[in-house]
PDB file of all heavy atoms in Angstrom:
ATOM      1  N   GLU A   1      81.176  91.232  88.933  1.00  0.00           N
ATOM      2  CA  GLU A   1      82.313  90.603  88.250  1.00  0.00           C
ATOM      3  C   GLU A   1      82.562  91.281  86.909  1.00  0.00           C
ATOM      4  O   GLU A   1      81.625  91.592  86.177  1.00  0.00           O
ATOM      5  CB  GLU A   1      82.063  89.120  88.020  1.00  0.00           C
ATOM      6  CG  GLU A   1      82.021  88.295  89.293  1.00  0.00           C
ATOM      7  CD  GLU A   1      80.604  87.929  89.686  1.00  0.00           C
ATOM      8  OE1 GLU A   1      79.656  88.517  89.138  1.00  0.00           O
ATOM      9  OE2 GLU A   1      80.464  87.043  90.554  1.00  0.00           O
ATOM     10  N   MET A   2      83.835  91.473  86.628  1.00  0.00           N
ATOM     11  CA  MET A   2      84.255  92.091  85.378  1.00  0.00           C
ATOM     12  C   MET A   2      84.976  91.048  84.531  1.00  0.00           C
ATOM     13  O   MET A   2      85.790  90.273  85.048  1.00  0.00           O
ATOM     14  CB  MET A   2      85.188  93.272  85.669  1.00  0.00           C
ATOM     15  CG  MET A   2      85.585  94.093  84.454  1.00  0.00           C
ATOM     16  SD  MET A   2      86.765  95.410  84.898  1.00  0.00           S
ATOM     17  CE  MET A   2      85.752  96.433  85.968  1.00  0.00           C
ATOM     18  N   GLU A   3      84.698  90.997  83.254  1.00  0.00           N
ATOM     19  CA  GLU A   3      85.388  90.067  82.361  1.00  0.00           C
ATOM     20  C   GLU A   3      86.806  90.579  82.107  1.00  0.00           C
ATOM     21  O   GLU A   3      87.009  91.747  81.760  1.00  0.00           O
ATOM     22  CB  GLU A   3      84.631  89.952  81.036  1.00  0.00           C
ATOM     23  CG  GLU A   3      83.235  89.351  81.170  1.00  0.00           C
ATOM     24  CD  GLU A   3      83.254  87.913  81.635  1.00  0.00           C
ATOM     25  OE1 GLU A   3      84.272  87.226  81.409  1.00  0.00           O
ATOM     26  OE2 GLU A   3      82.261  87.467  82.241  1.00  0.00           O
ATOM     27  N   THR A   4      87.786  89.700  82.300  1.00  0.00           N
ATOM     28  CA  THR A   4      89.196  90.077  82.149  1.00  0.00           C
ATOM     29  C   THR A   4      89.945  88.941  81.459  1.00  0.00           C
ATOM     30  O   THR A   4      89.416  87.828  81.329  1.00  0.00           O
ATOM     31  CB  THR A   4      89.854  90.342  83.519  1.00  0.00           C
ATOM     32  OG1 THR A   4      90.186  89.086  84.139  1.00  0.00           O
ATOM     33  CG2 THR A   4      88.946  91.144  84.438  1.00  0.00           C
ATOM     34  N   PRO A   5      91.200  89.165  81.051  1.00  0.00           N
ATOM     35  CA  PRO A   5      92.002  88.066  80.496  1.00  0.00           C
ATOM     36  C   PRO A   5      92.216  86.926  81.477  1.00  0.00           C
ATOM     37  O   PRO A   5      92.524  85.808  81.070  1.00  0.00           O
ATOM     38  CB  PRO A   5      93.336  88.755  80.151  1.00  0.00           C
ATOM     39  CG  PRO A   5      92.978  90.183  79.929  1.00  0.00           C
ATOM     40  CD  PRO A   5      91.881  90.469  80.899  1.00  0.00           C
ATOM     41  N   MET A   6      92.055  87.186  82.776  1.00  0.00           N
ATOM     42  CA  MET A   6      92.175  86.135  83.789  1.00  0.00           C
ATOM     43  C   MET A   6      90.863  85.410  84.015  1.00  0.00           C
ATOM     44  O   MET A   6      90.785  84.538  84.879  1.00  0.00           O
ATOM     45  CB  MET A   6      92.642  86.737  85.122  1.00  0.00           C
ATOM     46  CG  MET A   6      93.989  87.416  85.083  1.00  0.00           C
ATOM     47  SD  MET A   6      94.545  87.926  86.748  1.00  0.00           S
ATOM     48  CE  MET A   6      93.359  89.232  87.128  1.00  0.00           C
ATOM     49  N   GLY A   7      89.845  85.775  83.260  1.00  0.00           N
ATOM     50  CA  GLY A   7      88.512  85.268  83.518  1.00  0.00           C
ATOM     51  C   GLY A   7      87.733  86.282  84.344  1.00  0.00           C
ATOM     52  O   GLY A   7      88.242  87.356  84.694  1.00  0.00           O
ATOM     53  N   PRO A   8      86.496  85.977  84.691  1.00  0.00           N
ATOM     54  CA  PRO A   8      85.708  86.918  85.492  1.00  0.00           C
ATOM     55  C   PRO A   8      86.371  87.188  86.844  1.00  0.00           C
ATOM     56  O   PRO A   8      86.791  86.259  87.532  1.00  0.00           O
ATOM     57  CB  PRO A   8      84.366  86.208  85.663  1.00  0.00           C
ATOM     58  CG  PRO A   8      84.309  85.202  84.553  1.00  0.00           C
ATOM     59  CD  PRO A   8      85.727  84.763  84.336  1.00  0.00           C
ATOM     60  N   GLN A   9      86.462  88.465  87.210  1.00  0.00           N
ATOM     61  CA  GLN A   9      87.039  88.868  88.480  1.00  0.00           C
ATOM     62  C   GLN A   9      86.058  89.772  89.212  1.00  0.00           C
ATOM     63  O   GLN A   9      85.559  90.743  88.647  1.00  0.00           O
ATOM     64  CB  GLN A   9      88.366  89.611  88.270  1.00  0.00           C
ATOM     65  CG  GLN A   9      89.457  88.783  87.611  1.00  0.00           C
ATOM     66  CD  GLN A   9      89.988  87.694  88.528  1.00  0.00           C
ATOM     67  OE1 GLN A   9      90.302  87.935  89.692  1.00  0.00           O
ATOM     68  NE2 GLN A   9      90.096  86.481  88.004  1.00  0.00           N
ATOM     69  N   GLU A  10      85.818  89.433  90.475  1.00  0.00           N
ATOM     70  CA  GLU A  10      84.913  90.245  91.283  1.00  0.00           C
ATOM     71  C   GLU A  10      85.689  91.395  91.917  1.00  0.00           C
ATOM     72  O   GLU A  10      86.794  91.207  92.424  1.00  0.00           O
ATOM     73  CB  GLU A  10      84.259  89.390  92.369  1.00  0.00           C
ATOM     74  CG  GLU A  10      83.241  90.149  93.203  1.00  0.00           C
ATOM     75  CD  GLU A  10      82.534  89.283  94.225  1.00  0.00           C
ATOM     76  OE1 GLU A  10      82.692  88.050  94.167  1.00  0.00           O
ATOM     77  OE2 GLU A  10      81.835  89.857  95.082  1.00  0.00           O
ATOM     78  N   PHE A  11      85.085  92.566  91.901  1.00  0.00           N
ATOM     79  CA  PHE A  11      85.674  93.760  92.516  1.00  0.00           C
ATOM     80  C   PHE A  11      84.914  94.098  93.793  1.00  0.00           C
ATOM     81  O   PHE A  11      83.687  94.064  93.825  1.00  0.00           O
ATOM     82  CB  PHE A  11      85.610  94.951  91.555  1.00  0.00           C
ATOM     83  CG  PHE A  11      86.648  94.912  90.464  1.00  0.00           C
ATOM     84  CD1 PHE A  11      86.620  93.928  89.484  1.00  0.00           C
ATOM     85  CD2 PHE A  11      87.661  95.855  90.419  1.00  0.00           C
ATOM     86  CE1 PHE A  11      87.572  93.883  88.489  1.00  0.00           C
ATOM     87  CE2 PHE A  11      88.625  95.822  89.419  1.00  0.00           C
ATOM     88  CZ  PHE A  11      88.577  94.837  88.455  1.00  0.00           C
ATOM     89  N   GLN A  12      85.671  94.431  94.826  1.00  0.00           N
ATOM     90  CA  GLN A  12      85.087  94.857  96.089  1.00  0.00           C
ATOM     91  C   GLN A  12      85.752  96.144  96.554  1.00  0.00           C
ATOM     92  O   GLN A  12      86.960  96.320  96.392  1.00  0.00           O
ATOM     93  CB  GLN A  12      85.290  93.804  97.185  1.00  0.00           C
ATOM     94  CG  GLN A  12      84.300  92.679  97.207  1.00  0.00           C
ATOM     95  CD  GLN A  12      84.435  91.853  98.490  1.00  0.00           C
ATOM     96  OE1 GLN A  12      85.374  92.028  99.260  1.00  0.00           O
ATOM     97  NE2 GLN A  12      83.490  90.960  98.714  1.00  0.00           N
ATOM     98  N   LEU A  13      84.951  97.010  97.157  1.00  0.00           N
ATOM     99  CA  LEU A  13      85.479  98.170  97.857  1.00  0.00           C
ATOM    100  C   LEU A  13      85.403  97.868  99.343  1.00  0.00           C
ATOM    101  O   LEU A  13      84.315  97.681  99.888  1.00  0.00           O
ATOM    102  CB  LEU A  13      84.665  99.424  97.536  1.00  0.00           C
ATOM    103  CG  LEU A  13      84.592  99.847  96.071  1.00  0.00           C
ATOM    104  CD1 LEU A  13      83.780 101.129  95.934  1.00  0.00           C
ATOM    105  CD2 LEU A  13      85.985 100.025  95.476  1.00  0.00           C
ATOM    106  N   LYS A  14      86.551  97.791 100.006  1.00  0.00           N
ATOM    107  CA  LYS A  14      86.570  97.523 101.444  1.00  0.00           C
ATOM    108  C   LYS A  14      86.808  98.830 102.181  1.00  0.00           C
ATOM    109  O   LYS A  14      87.835  99.467 102.021  1.00  0.00           O
ATOM    110  CB  LYS A  14      87.668  96.520 101.791  1.00  0.00           C
ATOM    111  CG  LYS A  14      87.675  96.138 103.264  1.00  0.00           C
ATOM    112  CD  LYS A  14      88.705  95.073 103.557  1.00  0.00           C
ATOM    113  CE  LYS A  14      88.709  94.671 105.026  1.00  0.00           C
ATOM    114  NZ  LYS A  14      89.724  93.620 105.304  1.00  0.00           N
ATOM    115  N   GLY A  15      85.800  99.214 102.976  1.00  0.00           N
ATOM    116  CA  GLY A  15      85.875 100.467 103.710  1.00  0.00           C
ATOM    117  C   GLY A  15      85.001 101.551 103.132  1.00  0.00           C
ATOM    118  O   GLY A  15      85.189 102.735 103.429  1.00  0.00           O
ATOM    119  N   ALA A  16      84.020 101.143 102.305  1.00  0.00           N
ATOM    120  CA  ALA A  16      83.181 102.113 101.592  1.00  0.00           C
ATOM    121  C   ALA A  16      81.918 102.487 102.362  1.00  0.00           C
ATOM    122  O   ALA A  16      80.944 102.948 101.782  1.00  0.00           O
ATOM    123  CB  ALA A  16      82.798 101.568 100.215  1.00  0.00           C
ATOM    124  N   GLY A  17      81.925 102.300 103.678  1.00  0.00           N
ATOM    125  CA  GLY A  17      80.798 102.739 104.486  1.00  0.00           C
ATOM    126  C   GLY A  17      79.918 101.596 104.946  1.00  0.00           C
ATOM    127  O   GLY A  17      80.110 100.436 104.562  1.00  0.00           O
ATOM    128  N   PRO A  18      78.945 101.890 105.800  1.00  0.00           N
ATOM    129  CA  PRO A  18      78.106 100.847 106.400  1.00  0.00           C
ATOM    130  C   PRO A  18      77.229 100.148 105.368  1.00  0.00           C
ATOM    131  O   PRO A  18      76.842 100.719 104.348  1.00  0.00           O
ATOM    132  CB  PRO A  18      77.260 101.606 107.422  1.00  0.00           C
ATOM    133  CG  PRO A  18      77.242 103.025 106.916  1.00  0.00           C
ATOM    134  CD  PRO A  18      78.571 103.239 106.264  1.00  0.00           C
ATOM    135  N   THR A  19      76.931  98.880 105.658  1.00  0.00           N
ATOM    136  CA  THR A  19      76.032  98.059 104.850  1.00  0.00           C
ATOM    137  C   THR A  19      74.982  97.471 105.792  1.00  0.00           C
ATOM    138  O   THR A  19      75.053  97.655 107.013  1.00  0.00           O
ATOM    139  CB  THR A  19      76.799  96.911 104.172  1.00  0.00           C
ATOM    140  OG1 THR A  19      77.086  95.906 105.161  1.00  0.00           O
ATOM    141  CG2 THR A  19      78.097  97.397 103.540  1.00  0.00           C
ATOM    142  N   PRO A  20      74.003  96.758 105.263  1.00  0.00           N
ATOM    143  CA  PRO A  20      73.020  96.132 106.160  1.00  0.00           C
ATOM    144  C   PRO A  20      73.633  95.119 107.119  1.00  0.00           C
ATOM    145  O   PRO A  20      72.959  94.663 108.047  1.00  0.00           O
ATOM    146  CB  PRO A  20      72.067  95.448 105.172  1.00  0.00           C
ATOM    147  CG  PRO A  20      72.213  96.199 103.899  1.00  0.00           C
ATOM    148  CD  PRO A  20      73.640  96.600 103.847  1.00  0.00           C
ATOM    149  N   PHE A  21      74.910  94.747 106.906  1.00  0.00           N
ATOM    150  CA  PHE A  21      75.540  93.728 107.740  1.00  0.00           C
ATOM    151  C   PHE A  21      76.680  94.304 108.583  1.00  0.00           C
ATOM    152  O   PHE A  21      77.545  93.564 109.049  1.00  0.00           O
ATOM    153  CB  PHE A  21      76.063  92.593 106.848  1.00  0.00           C
ATOM    154  CG  PHE A  21      75.026  92.102 105.872  1.00  0.00           C
ATOM    155  CD1 PHE A  21      75.172  92.317 104.516  1.00  0.00           C
ATOM    156  CD2 PHE A  21      73.880  91.445 106.320  1.00  0.00           C
ATOM    157  CE1 PHE A  21      74.210  91.883 103.610  1.00  0.00           C
ATOM    158  CE2 PHE A  21      72.916  91.013 105.429  1.00  0.00           C
ATOM    159  CZ  PHE A  21      73.076  91.226 104.075  1.00  0.00           C
ATOM    160  N   SER A  22      76.669  95.607 108.802  1.00  0.00           N
ATOM    161  CA  SER A  22      77.753  96.243 109.536  1.00  0.00           C
ATOM    162  C   SER A  22      77.631  96.080 111.049  1.00  0.00           C
ATOM    163  O   SER A  22      78.553  96.432 111.783  1.00  0.00           O
ATOM    164  CB  SER A  22      77.829  97.739 109.198  1.00  0.00           C
ATOM    165  OG  SER A  22      78.179  97.937 107.851  1.00  0.00           O
ATOM    166  N   ARG A  23      76.503  95.605 111.522  1.00  0.00           N
ATOM    167  CA  ARG A  23      76.291  95.355 112.958  1.00  0.00           C
ATOM    168  C   ARG A  23      76.670  96.586 113.796  1.00  0.00           C
ATOM    169  O   ARG A  23      77.461  96.510 114.725  1.00  0.00           O
ATOM    170  CB  ARG A  23      77.093  94.128 113.403  1.00  0.00           C
ATOM    171  CG  ARG A  23      76.608  92.831 112.757  1.00  0.00           C
ATOM    172  CD  ARG A  23      77.402  91.639 113.241  1.00  0.00           C
ATOM    173  NE  ARG A  23      78.786  91.693 112.784  1.00  0.00           N
ATOM    174  CZ  ARG A  23      79.744  90.884 113.213  1.00  0.00           C
ATOM    175  NH1 ARG A  23      79.471  89.980 114.131  1.00  0.00           N
ATOM    176  NH2 ARG A  23      80.973  90.986 112.733  1.00  0.00           N
ATOM    177  N   ARG A  24      76.096  97.704 113.424  1.00  0.00           N
ATOM    178  CA  ARG A  24      76.263  98.987 114.118  1.00  0.00           C
ATOM    179  C   ARG A  24      77.661  99.579 113.946  1.00  0.00           C
ATOM    180  O   ARG A  24      78.008 100.570 114.582  1.00  0.00           O
ATOM    181  CB  ARG A  24      75.917  98.864 115.607  1.00  0.00           C
ATOM    182  CG  ARG A  24      74.453  98.481 115.859  1.00  0.00           C
ATOM    183  CD  ARG A  24      74.116  98.499 117.336  1.00  0.00           C
ATOM    184  NE  ARG A  24      74.923  97.535 118.081  1.00  0.00           N
ATOM    185  CZ  ARG A  24      74.628  96.243 118.165  1.00  0.00           C
ATOM    186  NH1 ARG A  24      73.559  95.765 117.546  1.00  0.00           N
ATOM    187  NH2 ARG A  24      75.394  95.424 118.870  1.00  0.00           N
ATOM    188  N   GLY A  25      78.487  98.978 113.079  1.00  0.00           N
ATOM    189  CA  GLY A  25      79.791  99.548 112.786  1.00  0.00           C
ATOM    190  C   GLY A  25      79.683 100.638 111.739  1.00  0.00           C
ATOM    191  O   GLY A  25      78.639 100.820 111.098  1.00  0.00           O
ATOM    192  N   ASP A  26      80.789 101.363 111.536  1.00  0.00           N
ATOM    193  CA  ASP A  26      80.754 102.470 110.573  1.00  0.00           C
ATOM    194  C   ASP A  26      81.081 102.030 109.156  1.00  0.00           C
ATOM    195  O   ASP A  26      80.988 102.822 108.221  1.00  0.00           O
ATOM    196  CB  ASP A  26      81.705 103.594 111.003  1.00  0.00           C
ATOM    197  CG  ASP A  26      83.160 103.139 111.150  1.00  0.00           C
ATOM    198  OD1 ASP A  26      83.531 102.094 110.581  1.00  0.00           O
ATOM    199  OD2 ASP A  26      83.924 103.841 111.839  1.00  0.00           O
ATOM    200  N   GLY A  27      81.491 100.763 108.983  1.00  0.00           N
ATOM    201  CA  GLY A  27      81.765 100.262 107.648  1.00  0.00           C
ATOM    202  C   GLY A  27      83.028 100.806 107.014  1.00  0.00           C
ATOM    203  O   GLY A  27      83.307 100.540 105.844  1.00  0.00           O
ATOM    204  N   ARG A  28      83.809 101.534 107.781  1.00  0.00           N
ATOM    205  CA  ARG A  28      85.025 102.143 107.243  1.00  0.00           C
ATOM    206  C   ARG A  28      86.246 101.280 107.542  1.00  0.00           C
ATOM    207  O   ARG A  28      86.278 100.510 108.490  1.00  0.00           O
ATOM    208  CB  ARG A  28      85.234 103.528 107.856  1.00  0.00           C
ATOM    209  CG  ARG A  28      84.276 104.591 107.353  1.00  0.00           C
ATOM    210  CD  ARG A  28      84.417 104.809 105.869  1.00  0.00           C
ATOM    211  NE  ARG A  28      83.621 105.943 105.389  1.00  0.00           N
ATOM    212  CZ  ARG A  28      83.386 106.166 104.098  1.00  0.00           C
ATOM    213  NH1 ARG A  28      83.867 105.342 103.171  1.00  0.00           N
ATOM    214  NH2 ARG A  28      82.666 107.200 103.731  1.00  0.00           N
ATOM    215  N   ALA A  29      87.248 101.425 106.698  1.00  0.00           N
ATOM    216  CA  ALA A  29      88.567 100.871 106.957  1.00  0.00           C
ATOM    217  C   ALA A  29      89.514 102.034 107.199  1.00  0.00           C
ATOM    218  O   ALA A  29      89.285 103.150 106.712  1.00  0.00           O
ATOM    219  CB  ALA A  29      89.045 100.042 105.773  1.00  0.00           C
ATOM    220  N   VAL A  30      90.565 101.801 107.961  1.00  0.00           N
ATOM    221  CA  VAL A  30      91.527 102.869 108.237  1.00  0.00           C
ATOM    222  C   VAL A  30      92.752 102.694 107.342  1.00  0.00           C
ATOM    223  O   VAL A  30      92.980 101.630 106.762  1.00  0.00           O
ATOM    224  CB  VAL A  30      91.939 102.890 109.720  1.00  0.00           C
ATOM    225  CG1 VAL A  30      90.731 103.181 110.591  1.00  0.00           C
ATOM    226  CG2 VAL A  30      92.600 101.584 110.124  1.00  0.00           C
ATOM    227  N   LEU A  31      93.528 103.753 107.250  1.00  0.00           N
ATOM    228  CA  LEU A  31      94.694 103.740 106.372  1.00  0.00           C
ATOM    229  C   LEU A  31      95.652 102.613 106.743  1.00  0.00           C
ATOM    230  O   LEU A  31      96.183 101.911 105.874  1.00  0.00           O
ATOM    231  CB  LEU A  31      95.407 105.090 106.449  1.00  0.00           C
ATOM    232  CG  LEU A  31      96.615 105.272 105.521  1.00  0.00           C
ATOM    233  CD1 LEU A  31      96.185 105.213 104.061  1.00  0.00           C
ATOM    234  CD2 LEU A  31      97.320 106.593 105.826  1.00  0.00           C
ATOM    235  N   ARG A  32      95.873 102.398 108.040  1.00  0.00           N
ATOM    236  CA  ARG A  32      96.813 101.380 108.511  1.00  0.00           C
ATOM    237  C   ARG A  32      96.440  99.999 107.974  1.00  0.00           C
ATOM    238  O   ARG A  32      97.246  99.327 107.331  1.00  0.00           O
ATOM    239  CB  ARG A  32      96.819 101.356 110.040  1.00  0.00           C
ATOM    240  CG  ARG A  32      97.567 100.177 110.648  1.00  0.00           C
ATOM    241  CD  ARG A  32      97.473 100.198 112.158  1.00  0.00           C
ATOM    242  NE  ARG A  32      98.099 101.402 112.692  1.00  0.00           N
ATOM    243  CZ  ARG A  32      99.402 101.509 112.940  1.00  0.00           C
ATOM    244  NH1 ARG A  32     100.202 100.464 112.714  1.00  0.00           N
ATOM    245  NH2 ARG A  32      99.907 102.618 113.420  1.00  0.00           N
ATOM    246  N   SER A  33      95.234  99.543 108.237  1.00  0.00           N
ATOM    247  CA  SER A  33      94.841  98.196 107.821  1.00  0.00           C
ATOM    248  C   SER A  33      94.743  98.073 106.317  1.00  0.00           C
ATOM    249  O   SER A  33      95.012  97.013 105.748  1.00  0.00           O
ATOM    250  CB  SER A  33      93.510  97.810 108.469  1.00  0.00           C
ATOM    251  OG  SER A  33      92.475  98.688 108.062  1.00  0.00           O
ATOM    252  N   SER A  34      94.373  99.159 105.648  1.00  0.00           N
ATOM    253  CA  SER A  34      94.253  99.127 104.190  1.00  0.00           C
ATOM    254  C   SER A  34      95.616  98.950 103.528  1.00  0.00           C
ATOM    255  O   SER A  34      95.763  98.186 102.570  1.00  0.00           O
ATOM    256  CB  SER A  34      93.573 100.401 103.687  1.00  0.00           C
ATOM    257  OG  SER A  34      92.263 100.517 104.214  1.00  0.00           O
ATOM    258  N   ILE A  35      96.622  99.650 104.035  1.00  0.00           N
ATOM    259  CA  ILE A  35      97.969  99.495 103.491  1.00  0.00           C
ATOM    260  C   ILE A  35      98.478  98.084 103.736  1.00  0.00           C
ATOM    261  O   ILE A  35      99.082  97.450 102.853  1.00  0.00           O
ATOM    262  CB  ILE A  35      98.921 100.538 104.103  1.00  0.00           C
ATOM    263  CG1 ILE A  35      98.597 101.927 103.541  1.00  0.00           C
ATOM    264  CG2 ILE A  35     100.384 100.183 103.828  1.00  0.00           C
ATOM    265  CD1 ILE A  35      99.387 103.049 104.188  1.00  0.00           C
ATOM    266  N   ARG A  36      98.243  97.548 104.918  1.00  0.00           N
ATOM    267  CA  ARG A  36      98.700  96.200 105.231  1.00  0.00           C
ATOM    268  C   ARG A  36      98.056  95.177 104.291  1.00  0.00           C
ATOM    269  O   ARG A  36      98.723  94.291 103.759  1.00  0.00           O
ATOM    270  CB  ARG A  36      98.391  95.857 106.688  1.00  0.00           C
ATOM    271  CG  ARG A  36      99.371  96.471 107.675  1.00  0.00           C
ATOM    272  CD  ARG A  36      98.948  96.233 109.119  1.00  0.00           C
ATOM    273  NE  ARG A  36      98.821  94.812 109.437  1.00  0.00           N
ATOM    274  CZ  ARG A  36      99.830  94.021 109.785  1.00  0.00           C
ATOM    275  NH1 ARG A  36     101.071  94.504 109.845  1.00  0.00           N
ATOM    276  NH2 ARG A  36      99.617  92.751 110.080  1.00  0.00           N
TER     277      ARG A  36
END
Protein backbone atom coordinates (compact mmCIF):
# COMPACT_ATOMS: atom_id res chain seq x y z
CA GLU A 1 0.00 0.00 0.00
CA MET A 2 1.14 3.48 -0.90
CA GLU A 3 0.09 6.58 1.04
CA THR A 4 -1.86 8.94 -1.25
CA PRO A 5 -4.30 11.87 -0.97
CA MET A 6 -7.06 9.25 -1.28
CA GLY A 7 -5.67 7.37 1.68
CA PRO A 8 -3.63 4.17 1.48
CA GLN A 9 -3.93 2.50 -1.93
CA GLU A 10 -2.76 -1.01 -2.73
CA PHE A 11 -0.93 -1.54 -6.02
CA GLN A 12 -1.08 -4.80 -7.94
CA LEU A 13 0.60 -5.99 -11.11
CA LYS A 14 -1.77 -8.32 -12.95
CA GLY A 15 0.02 -10.54 -15.42
CA ALA A 16 3.49 -10.33 -13.87
CA GLY A 17 4.19 -14.06 -14.07
CA PRO A 18 3.49 -17.19 -12.02
CA THR A 19 3.03 -17.13 -8.24
CA PRO A 20 2.69 -19.95 -5.70
CA PHE A 21 -1.07 -19.83 -6.42
CA SER A 22 -0.98 -20.01 -10.22
CA ARG A 23 -2.12 -23.66 -10.25
CA ARG A 24 0.25 -24.59 -13.09
CA GLY A 25 -0.72 -21.48 -15.06
CA ASP A 26 1.80 -19.08 -16.56
CA GLY A 27 0.63 -16.13 -14.47
CA ARG A 28 0.48 -13.91 -17.54
CA ALA A 29 -2.28 -11.66 -18.80
CA VAL A 30 -2.80 -11.00 -22.50
CA LEU A 31 -3.15 -7.65 -24.20
CA ARG A 32 -6.86 -8.22 -24.95
CA SER A 33 -7.99 -8.81 -21.36
CA SER A 34 -5.65 -6.16 -19.99
CA ILE A 35 -7.10 -3.46 -22.23
CA ARG A 36 -10.64 -4.50 -21.33
